[in-house]
Amino acid sequence: MSKVKVYCACSWFDQEQTKHMKNVYKALKENKTCDWDNSYRPLDHQYKGIAVDENPEFLDDEYQRAAWIANTYKNDISGIINSNVGVFAYVPGQETIDDGMAFELGYMTAMGKPTIVVIPDDKGQEPMNLMIAEGATQVVTLSEFHNMDLTKVFNKPFDKVVF
């Protein structure tokens, strides 16, 4: 069976987003078409392994901050370039928009790579940001995503409310 390298984008700014990220990661690990070991997870590739949310003092030094920003960004761009498909763990809502994830989705879309936005099952009817909804190749719930063939991701128009 063919497997793809996935760029695994996610937000982790609150408990709901972190829980959803873990659920999507679990589904990817179990997916027979995902090459989990060679997929790219941005949180695993922050510059020097430094999680600035856990070590905010690292950003106090101007040089370290600039190095962390530039190199984390470059790592993520390399992850996008070297991946076959993007999977975006996304929790809809105006208060949860993640600019970084929107950028990653746009970059992958501009490169012509398929992108899947995975939303929690209980958020399937929530209005979604227009650029996320229309930028994705598909928007699916976590349940729909579980056994998805990641080697065959084709356009599926988003038919819910956008803002």
N, C-alpha and C. Protein backbone atom coordinates (compact mmCIF):
# COMPACT_ATOMS: atom_id res chain seq x y z
N MET A 1 0.83 -1.17 0.00
CA MET A 1 0.00 0.00 0.00
C MET A 1 0.88 1.25 0.00
N SER A 2 0.51 2.19 -0.83
CA SER A 2 1.24 3.44 -0.94
C SER A 2 0.99 4.32 0.28
N LYS A 3 2.04 5.04 0.71
CA LYS A 3 1.93 5.95 1.85
C LYS A 3 2.44 7.32 1.46
N VAL A 4 1.88 8.34 2.12
CA VAL A 4 2.29 9.71 1.84
C VAL A 4 2.88 10.36 3.09
N LYS A 5 3.77 11.33 2.83
CA LYS A 5 4.30 12.15 3.91
C LYS A 5 3.33 13.32 4.12
N VAL A 6 2.96 13.52 5.37
CA VAL A 6 1.95 14.52 5.71
C VAL A 6 2.58 15.69 6.45
N TYR A 7 2.18 16.90 6.08
CA TYR A 7 2.49 18.08 6.87
C TYR A 7 1.32 18.23 7.84
N CYS A 8 1.59 18.10 9.12
CA CYS A 8 0.55 18.06 10.16
C CYS A 8 0.45 19.41 10.86
N ALA A 9 -0.39 20.29 10.35
CA ALA A 9 -0.56 21.61 10.95
C ALA A 9 -1.62 21.56 12.05
N CYS A 10 -1.43 22.37 13.07
CA CYS A 10 -2.39 22.38 14.17
C CYS A 10 -2.26 23.65 14.97
N SER A 11 -3.31 23.92 15.72
CA SER A 11 -3.28 24.99 16.71
C SER A 11 -3.26 24.30 18.07
N TRP A 12 -2.61 24.93 19.03
CA TRP A 12 -2.53 24.35 20.36
C TRP A 12 -2.64 25.45 21.42
N PHE A 13 -3.42 26.48 21.11
CA PHE A 13 -3.48 27.65 21.96
C PHE A 13 -4.48 27.55 23.11
N ASP A 14 -5.32 26.52 23.09
CA ASP A 14 -6.23 26.29 24.21
C ASP A 14 -6.47 24.79 24.34
N GLN A 15 -7.18 24.39 25.38
CA GLN A 15 -7.39 22.96 25.65
C GLN A 15 -8.15 22.26 24.53
N GLU A 16 -9.14 22.94 23.96
CA GLU A 16 -9.94 22.32 22.89
C GLU A 16 -9.06 22.06 21.66
N GLN A 17 -8.25 23.02 21.30
CA GLN A 17 -7.36 22.84 20.15
C GLN A 17 -6.34 21.74 20.41
N THR A 18 -5.77 21.71 21.60
CA THR A 18 -4.77 20.69 21.94
C THR A 18 -5.39 19.30 21.91
N LYS A 19 -6.58 19.16 22.46
CA LYS A 19 -7.28 17.87 22.43
C LYS A 19 -7.54 17.44 20.99
N HIS A 20 -8.01 18.37 20.16
CA HIS A 20 -8.28 18.04 18.76
C HIS A 20 -7.00 17.64 18.03
N MET A 21 -5.90 18.37 18.27
CA MET A 21 -4.61 18.04 17.66
C MET A 21 -4.23 16.59 18.01
N LYS A 22 -4.35 16.22 19.28
CA LYS A 22 -3.99 14.86 19.69
C LYS A 22 -4.88 13.82 19.03
N ASN A 23 -6.15 14.12 18.86
CA ASN A 23 -7.06 13.19 18.19
C ASN A 23 -6.71 13.02 16.71
N VAL A 24 -6.36 14.12 16.05
CA VAL A 24 -5.97 14.04 14.64
C VAL A 24 -4.65 13.28 14.51
N TYR A 25 -3.68 13.56 15.38
CA TYR A 25 -2.41 12.82 15.35
C TYR A 25 -2.64 11.32 15.54
N LYS A 26 -3.51 10.97 16.46
CA LYS A 26 -3.82 9.55 16.71
C LYS A 26 -4.40 8.91 15.44
N ALA A 27 -5.32 9.61 14.79
CA ALA A 27 -5.91 9.10 13.55
C ALA A 27 -4.86 8.95 12.47
N LEU A 28 -3.93 9.91 12.38
CA LEU A 28 -2.86 9.81 11.37
C LEU A 28 -1.93 8.63 11.65
N LYS A 29 -1.58 8.43 12.91
CA LYS A 29 -0.70 7.30 13.25
C LYS A 29 -1.33 5.97 12.86
N GLU A 30 -2.64 5.89 12.96
CA GLU A 30 -3.36 4.65 12.66
C GLU A 30 -3.71 4.51 11.18
N ASN A 31 -3.57 5.59 10.41
CA ASN A 31 -3.95 5.57 9.00
C ASN A 31 -2.91 4.81 8.19
N LYS A 32 -3.37 3.81 7.46
CA LYS A 32 -2.47 2.95 6.68
C LYS A 32 -1.84 3.66 5.48
N THR A 33 -2.38 4.83 5.11
CA THR A 33 -1.81 5.56 3.97
C THR A 33 -0.92 6.73 4.40
N CYS A 34 -0.69 6.87 5.70
CA CYS A 34 0.18 7.93 6.22
C CYS A 34 1.54 7.35 6.61
N ASP A 35 2.59 7.95 6.09
CA ASP A 35 3.95 7.60 6.49
C ASP A 35 4.29 8.47 7.71
N TRP A 36 3.78 8.05 8.88
CA TRP A 36 3.89 8.84 10.10
C TRP A 36 5.34 9.17 10.45
N ASP A 37 6.23 8.20 10.32
CA ASP A 37 7.62 8.40 10.71
C ASP A 37 8.32 9.47 9.88
N ASN A 38 7.90 9.66 8.64
CA ASN A 38 8.53 10.64 7.76
C ASN A 38 7.65 11.86 7.51
N SER A 39 6.56 11.95 8.25
CA SER A 39 5.70 13.13 8.16
C SER A 39 6.27 14.24 9.03
N TYR A 40 5.82 15.45 8.77
CA TYR A 40 6.37 16.63 9.45
C TYR A 40 5.35 17.23 10.40
N ARG A 41 5.76 17.36 11.65
CA ARG A 41 4.93 17.98 12.69
C ARG A 41 5.69 19.20 13.19
N PRO A 42 5.19 20.41 12.89
CA PRO A 42 5.91 21.63 13.25
C PRO A 42 6.35 21.70 14.71
N LEU A 43 5.53 21.25 15.62
CA LEU A 43 5.92 21.33 17.03
C LEU A 43 7.14 20.48 17.35
N ASP A 44 7.41 19.47 16.51
CA ASP A 44 8.58 18.62 16.71
C ASP A 44 9.84 19.21 16.08
N HIS A 45 9.70 20.34 15.37
CA HIS A 45 10.84 20.91 14.65
C HIS A 45 11.06 22.38 14.94
N GLN A 46 10.76 22.80 16.15
CA GLN A 46 11.05 24.18 16.51
C GLN A 46 12.56 24.32 16.68
N TYR A 47 13.07 25.47 16.35
CA TYR A 47 14.51 25.73 16.39
C TYR A 47 15.10 25.31 17.74
N LYS A 48 16.14 24.49 17.67
CA LYS A 48 16.85 23.96 18.84
C LYS A 48 15.91 23.23 19.81
N GLY A 49 14.76 22.79 19.31
CA GLY A 49 13.82 22.06 20.16
C GLY A 49 13.19 22.92 21.24
N ILE A 50 13.24 24.21 21.06
CA ILE A 50 12.74 25.12 22.10
C ILE A 50 11.27 25.45 21.86
N ALA A 51 10.45 25.05 22.80
CA ALA A 51 9.03 25.40 22.78
C ALA A 51 8.89 26.72 23.53
N VAL A 52 8.68 27.80 22.79
CA VAL A 52 8.67 29.12 23.42
C VAL A 52 7.48 29.32 24.35
N ASP A 53 6.41 28.54 24.16
CA ASP A 53 5.30 28.66 25.09
C ASP A 53 5.69 28.12 26.47
N GLU A 54 6.64 27.20 26.49
CA GLU A 54 7.12 26.65 27.76
C GLU A 54 8.36 27.39 28.27
N ASN A 55 9.06 28.09 27.38
CA ASN A 55 10.27 28.84 27.73
C ASN A 55 10.20 30.26 27.18
N PRO A 56 9.24 31.06 27.63
CA PRO A 56 9.09 32.40 27.05
C PRO A 56 10.31 33.29 27.26
N GLU A 57 11.11 32.99 28.27
CA GLU A 57 12.30 33.80 28.52
C GLU A 57 13.29 33.74 27.35
N PHE A 58 13.22 32.66 26.54
CA PHE A 58 14.10 32.53 25.39
C PHE A 58 13.90 33.69 24.42
N LEU A 59 12.67 34.19 24.34
CA LEU A 59 12.36 35.27 23.41
C LEU A 59 12.76 36.65 23.93
N ASP A 60 13.22 36.72 25.18
CA ASP A 60 13.64 38.00 25.74
C ASP A 60 14.92 38.52 25.10
N ASP A 61 15.77 37.60 24.67
CA ASP A 61 17.02 37.98 24.02
C ASP A 61 16.75 38.21 22.54
N GLU A 62 17.07 39.41 22.06
CA GLU A 62 16.77 39.79 20.68
C GLU A 62 17.40 38.84 19.65
N TYR A 63 18.66 38.46 19.86
CA TYR A 63 19.33 37.57 18.92
C TYR A 63 18.68 36.19 18.92
N GLN A 64 18.44 35.63 20.10
CA GLN A 64 17.81 34.30 20.19
C GLN A 64 16.41 34.31 19.58
N ARG A 65 15.67 35.38 19.83
CA ARG A 65 14.31 35.50 19.29
C ARG A 65 14.35 35.51 17.76
N ALA A 66 15.25 36.30 17.21
CA ALA A 66 15.36 36.39 15.75
C ALA A 66 15.78 35.04 15.14
N ALA A 67 16.72 34.37 15.79
CA ALA A 67 17.17 33.07 15.30
C ALA A 67 16.05 32.05 15.39
N TRP A 68 15.31 32.03 16.51
CA TRP A 68 14.22 31.08 16.67
C TRP A 68 13.13 31.31 15.62
N ILE A 69 12.76 32.56 15.42
CA ILE A 69 11.71 32.89 14.44
C ILE A 69 12.14 32.45 13.04
N ALA A 70 13.32 32.88 12.61
CA ALA A 70 13.78 32.59 11.24
C ALA A 70 13.93 31.10 11.00
N ASN A 71 14.54 30.40 11.94
CA ASN A 71 14.80 28.98 11.72
C ASN A 71 13.58 28.09 11.90
N THR A 72 12.69 28.45 12.80
CA THR A 72 11.43 27.69 12.92
C THR A 72 10.62 27.86 11.65
N TYR A 73 10.55 29.07 11.13
CA TYR A 73 9.84 29.35 9.87
C TYR A 73 10.44 28.53 8.73
N LYS A 74 11.77 28.56 8.59
CA LYS A 74 12.42 27.83 7.50
C LYS A 74 12.22 26.31 7.63
N ASN A 75 12.25 25.81 8.86
CA ASN A 75 11.98 24.38 9.05
C ASN A 75 10.57 24.03 8.57
N ASP A 76 9.60 24.86 8.93
CA ASP A 76 8.22 24.59 8.53
C ASP A 76 8.05 24.66 7.01
N ILE A 77 8.69 25.63 6.38
CA ILE A 77 8.62 25.72 4.91
C ILE A 77 9.22 24.46 4.28
N SER A 78 10.35 23.99 4.80
CA SER A 78 10.94 22.75 4.29
C SER A 78 9.99 21.58 4.51
N GLY A 79 9.32 21.55 5.66
CA GLY A 79 8.34 20.50 5.93
C GLY A 79 7.21 20.51 4.92
N ILE A 80 6.73 21.69 4.58
CA ILE A 80 5.66 21.81 3.58
C ILE A 80 6.16 21.32 2.22
N ILE A 81 7.33 21.79 1.81
CA ILE A 81 7.87 21.43 0.50
C ILE A 81 8.08 19.92 0.37
N ASN A 82 8.53 19.28 1.44
CA ASN A 82 8.85 17.86 1.39
C ASN A 82 7.69 16.93 1.71
N SER A 83 6.51 17.49 1.93
CA SER A 83 5.33 16.66 2.22
C SER A 83 4.46 16.51 0.98
N ASN A 84 3.68 15.45 0.96
CA ASN A 84 2.79 15.18 -0.17
C ASN A 84 1.41 15.78 0.02
N VAL A 85 0.96 15.86 1.26
CA VAL A 85 -0.39 16.32 1.57
C VAL A 85 -0.36 17.05 2.92
N GLY A 86 -1.25 18.03 3.06
CA GLY A 86 -1.36 18.74 4.33
C GLY A 86 -2.61 18.33 5.08
N VAL A 87 -2.46 18.10 6.37
CA VAL A 87 -3.60 17.81 7.24
C VAL A 87 -3.60 18.89 8.31
N PHE A 88 -4.73 19.57 8.44
CA PHE A 88 -4.86 20.73 9.32
C PHE A 88 -5.91 20.45 10.39
N ALA A 89 -5.46 20.28 11.62
CA ALA A 89 -6.36 20.08 12.76
C ALA A 89 -6.90 21.45 13.13
N TYR A 90 -8.16 21.69 12.82
CA TYR A 90 -8.73 23.03 12.92
C TYR A 90 -10.02 23.02 13.72
N VAL A 91 -10.15 23.95 14.65
CA VAL A 91 -11.38 24.11 15.41
C VAL A 91 -12.04 25.40 14.91
N PRO A 92 -13.18 25.29 14.22
CA PRO A 92 -13.83 26.48 13.66
C PRO A 92 -14.26 27.48 14.73
N GLY A 93 -14.34 28.74 14.31
CA GLY A 93 -14.82 29.81 15.17
C GLY A 93 -13.98 31.05 14.98
N GLN A 94 -14.61 32.22 15.04
CA GLN A 94 -13.89 33.48 14.82
C GLN A 94 -12.82 33.72 15.87
N GLU A 95 -13.03 33.23 17.07
CA GLU A 95 -12.06 33.46 18.14
C GLU A 95 -10.89 32.48 18.09
N THR A 96 -10.93 31.50 17.21
CA THR A 96 -9.87 30.49 17.17
C THR A 96 -9.03 30.52 15.90
N ILE A 97 -9.17 31.55 15.10
CA ILE A 97 -8.41 31.62 13.85
C ILE A 97 -6.91 31.69 14.16
N ASP A 98 -6.16 30.82 13.53
CA ASP A 98 -4.71 30.74 13.71
C ASP A 98 -4.06 31.25 12.43
N ASP A 99 -3.47 32.44 12.48
CA ASP A 99 -2.85 33.03 11.30
C ASP A 99 -1.77 32.14 10.70
N GLY A 100 -1.00 31.49 11.56
CA GLY A 100 0.06 30.61 11.08
C GLY A 100 -0.50 29.45 10.28
N MET A 101 -1.56 28.84 10.78
CA MET A 101 -2.16 27.73 10.06
C MET A 101 -2.75 28.20 8.73
N ALA A 102 -3.35 29.39 8.74
CA ALA A 102 -3.90 29.93 7.50
C ALA A 102 -2.78 30.14 6.47
N PHE A 103 -1.63 30.61 6.92
CA PHE A 103 -0.49 30.79 6.03
C PHE A 103 -0.04 29.43 5.47
N GLU A 104 0.10 28.44 6.34
CA GLU A 104 0.55 27.11 5.90
C GLU A 104 -0.42 26.52 4.88
N LEU A 105 -1.71 26.66 5.12
CA LEU A 105 -2.72 26.16 4.19
C LEU A 105 -2.59 26.87 2.85
N GLY A 106 -2.44 28.19 2.89
CA GLY A 106 -2.29 28.95 1.65
C GLY A 106 -1.03 28.58 0.88
N TYR A 107 0.06 28.37 1.59
CA TYR A 107 1.33 28.00 0.96
C TYR A 107 1.19 26.65 0.25
N MET A 108 0.60 25.69 0.95
CA MET A 108 0.43 24.36 0.35
C MET A 108 -0.52 24.42 -0.85
N THR A 109 -1.57 25.20 -0.72
CA THR A 109 -2.53 25.35 -1.82
C THR A 109 -1.85 25.98 -3.03
N ALA A 110 -1.04 27.01 -2.79
CA ALA A 110 -0.33 27.68 -3.88
C ALA A 110 0.65 26.72 -4.58
N MET A 111 1.17 25.75 -3.82
CA MET A 111 2.08 24.76 -4.40
C MET A 111 1.33 23.65 -5.14
N GLY A 112 0.00 23.67 -5.07
CA GLY A 112 -0.80 22.65 -5.74
C GLY A 112 -0.88 21.34 -4.98
N LYS A 113 -0.60 21.39 -3.68
CA LYS A 113 -0.65 20.17 -2.87
C LYS A 113 -2.04 20.03 -2.24
N PRO A 114 -2.54 18.81 -2.15
CA PRO A 114 -3.86 18.61 -1.53
C PRO A 114 -3.80 18.91 -0.03
N THR A 115 -4.89 19.49 0.47
CA THR A 115 -4.98 19.85 1.88
C THR A 115 -6.32 19.39 2.45
N ILE A 116 -6.26 18.86 3.66
CA ILE A 116 -7.46 18.38 4.34
C ILE A 116 -7.57 19.12 5.67
N VAL A 117 -8.66 19.81 5.86
CA VAL A 117 -8.94 20.46 7.13
C VAL A 117 -9.84 19.51 7.91
N VAL A 118 -9.36 19.11 9.08
CA VAL A 118 -10.09 18.16 9.92
C VAL A 118 -10.66 18.93 11.11
N ILE A 119 -11.98 18.87 11.25
CA ILE A 119 -12.65 19.58 12.34
C ILE A 119 -13.25 18.57 13.32
N PRO A 120 -13.44 18.97 14.58
CA PRO A 120 -14.07 18.06 15.54
C PRO A 120 -15.49 17.68 15.09
N ASP A 121 -15.91 16.49 15.43
CA ASP A 121 -17.24 16.02 15.03
C ASP A 121 -18.35 16.96 15.48
N ASP A 122 -18.23 17.52 16.66
CA ASP A 122 -19.30 18.38 17.18
C ASP A 122 -19.27 19.80 16.60
N LYS A 123 -18.33 20.07 15.69
CA LYS A 123 -18.22 21.39 15.07
C LYS A 123 -18.59 21.36 13.58
N GLY A 124 -19.17 20.25 13.14
CA GLY A 124 -19.47 20.06 11.72
C GLY A 124 -20.39 21.08 11.10
N GLN A 125 -21.21 21.73 11.90
CA GLN A 125 -22.15 22.73 11.38
C GLN A 125 -21.74 24.16 11.72
N GLU A 126 -20.60 24.34 12.37
CA GLU A 126 -20.12 25.67 12.75
C GLU A 126 -19.71 26.46 11.51
N PRO A 127 -19.99 27.76 11.48
CA PRO A 127 -19.47 28.60 10.40
C PRO A 127 -17.93 28.56 10.42
N MET A 128 -17.35 28.62 9.23
CA MET A 128 -15.89 28.53 9.13
C MET A 128 -15.36 29.73 8.35
N ASN A 129 -14.15 30.13 8.68
CA ASN A 129 -13.48 31.21 7.97
C ASN A 129 -13.45 30.88 6.47
N LEU A 130 -13.85 31.84 5.67
CA LEU A 130 -13.92 31.67 4.22
C LEU A 130 -12.61 31.18 3.61
N MET A 131 -11.49 31.75 4.02
CA MET A 131 -10.21 31.40 3.42
C MET A 131 -9.78 29.99 3.78
N ILE A 132 -10.12 29.54 4.99
CA ILE A 132 -9.81 28.17 5.38
C ILE A 132 -10.70 27.20 4.61
N ALA A 133 -12.01 27.48 4.61
CA ALA A 133 -12.98 26.58 3.97
C ALA A 133 -12.74 26.44 2.47
N GLU A 134 -12.48 27.55 1.81
CA GLU A 134 -12.29 27.51 0.36
C GLU A 134 -10.87 27.15 -0.04
N GLY A 135 -9.91 27.39 0.85
CA GLY A 135 -8.52 27.07 0.56
C GLY A 135 -8.22 25.59 0.63
N ALA A 136 -9.01 24.86 1.39
CA ALA A 136 -8.78 23.43 1.57
C ALA A 136 -9.31 22.63 0.39
N THR A 137 -8.64 21.54 0.11
CA THR A 137 -9.14 20.61 -0.90
C THR A 137 -10.41 19.95 -0.36
N GLN A 138 -10.38 19.59 0.93
CA GLN A 138 -11.54 19.03 1.60
C GLN A 138 -11.58 19.48 3.05
N VAL A 139 -12.79 19.65 3.57
CA VAL A 139 -13.02 19.85 4.99
C VAL A 139 -13.83 18.65 5.45
N VAL A 140 -13.31 17.94 6.44
CA VAL A 140 -13.98 16.73 6.92
C VAL A 140 -14.00 16.74 8.45
N THR A 141 -14.94 15.98 9.01
CA THR A 141 -14.95 15.81 10.46
C THR A 141 -13.94 14.73 10.83
N LEU A 142 -13.60 14.67 12.09
CA LEU A 142 -12.64 13.67 12.57
C LEU A 142 -13.13 12.26 12.24
N SER A 143 -14.41 12.00 12.40
CA SER A 143 -14.96 10.67 12.08
C SER A 143 -14.78 10.33 10.60
N GLU A 144 -15.01 11.31 9.73
CA GLU A 144 -14.84 11.09 8.29
C GLU A 144 -13.37 10.87 7.95
N PHE A 145 -12.49 11.49 8.71
CA PHE A 145 -11.06 11.45 8.44
C PHE A 145 -10.41 10.12 8.81
N HIS A 146 -10.96 9.43 9.80
CA HIS A 146 -10.31 8.25 10.37
C HIS A 146 -9.79 7.24 9.35
N ASN A 147 -10.55 6.89 8.36
CA ASN A 147 -10.10 5.88 7.39
C ASN A 147 -9.91 6.45 6.00
N MET A 148 -9.63 7.73 5.93
CA MET A 148 -9.48 8.40 4.65
C MET A 148 -8.21 7.93 3.93
N ASP A 149 -8.31 7.73 2.64
CA ASP A 149 -7.16 7.36 1.82
C ASP A 149 -6.42 8.65 1.46
N LEU A 150 -5.29 8.88 2.11
CA LEU A 150 -4.54 10.12 1.92
C LEU A 150 -3.79 10.16 0.59
N THR A 151 -3.77 9.06 -0.12
CA THR A 151 -3.13 9.05 -1.44
C THR A 151 -4.08 9.53 -2.52
N LYS A 152 -5.35 9.68 -2.17
CA LYS A 152 -6.38 10.09 -3.15
C LYS A 152 -7.25 11.18 -2.56
N VAL A 153 -6.71 12.38 -2.52
CA VAL A 153 -7.44 13.52 -1.97
C VAL A 153 -7.86 14.42 -3.13
N PHE A 154 -9.15 14.42 -3.41
CA PHE A 154 -9.68 15.21 -4.52
C PHE A 154 -10.61 16.29 -4.00
N ASN A 155 -10.83 17.32 -4.81
CA ASN A 155 -11.64 18.44 -4.39
C ASN A 155 -13.05 18.02 -3.98
N LYS A 156 -13.47 18.55 -2.85
CA LYS A 156 -14.83 18.37 -2.34
C LYS A 156 -15.27 19.75 -1.84
N PRO A 157 -16.13 20.43 -2.60
CA PRO A 157 -16.52 21.79 -2.21
C PRO A 157 -17.11 21.86 -0.81
N PHE A 158 -16.79 22.92 -0.09
CA PHE A 158 -17.32 23.16 1.25
C PHE A 158 -18.73 23.72 1.10
N ASP A 159 -19.71 23.10 1.74
CA ASP A 159 -21.10 23.50 1.54
C ASP A 159 -21.79 24.01 2.81
N LYS A 160 -21.00 24.50 3.74
CA LYS A 160 -21.55 25.02 5.01
C LYS A 160 -21.40 26.55 5.02
N VAL A 161 -21.79 27.16 6.11
CA VAL A 161 -21.74 28.62 6.26
C VAL A 161 -20.30 29.08 6.47
N VAL A 162 -19.93 30.16 5.81
CA VAL A 162 -18.61 30.76 5.99
C VAL A 162 -18.77 32.19 6.48
N PHE A 163 -17.71 32.73 7.06
CA PHE A 163 -17.73 34.15 7.45
C PHE A 163 -16.46 34.80 6.93
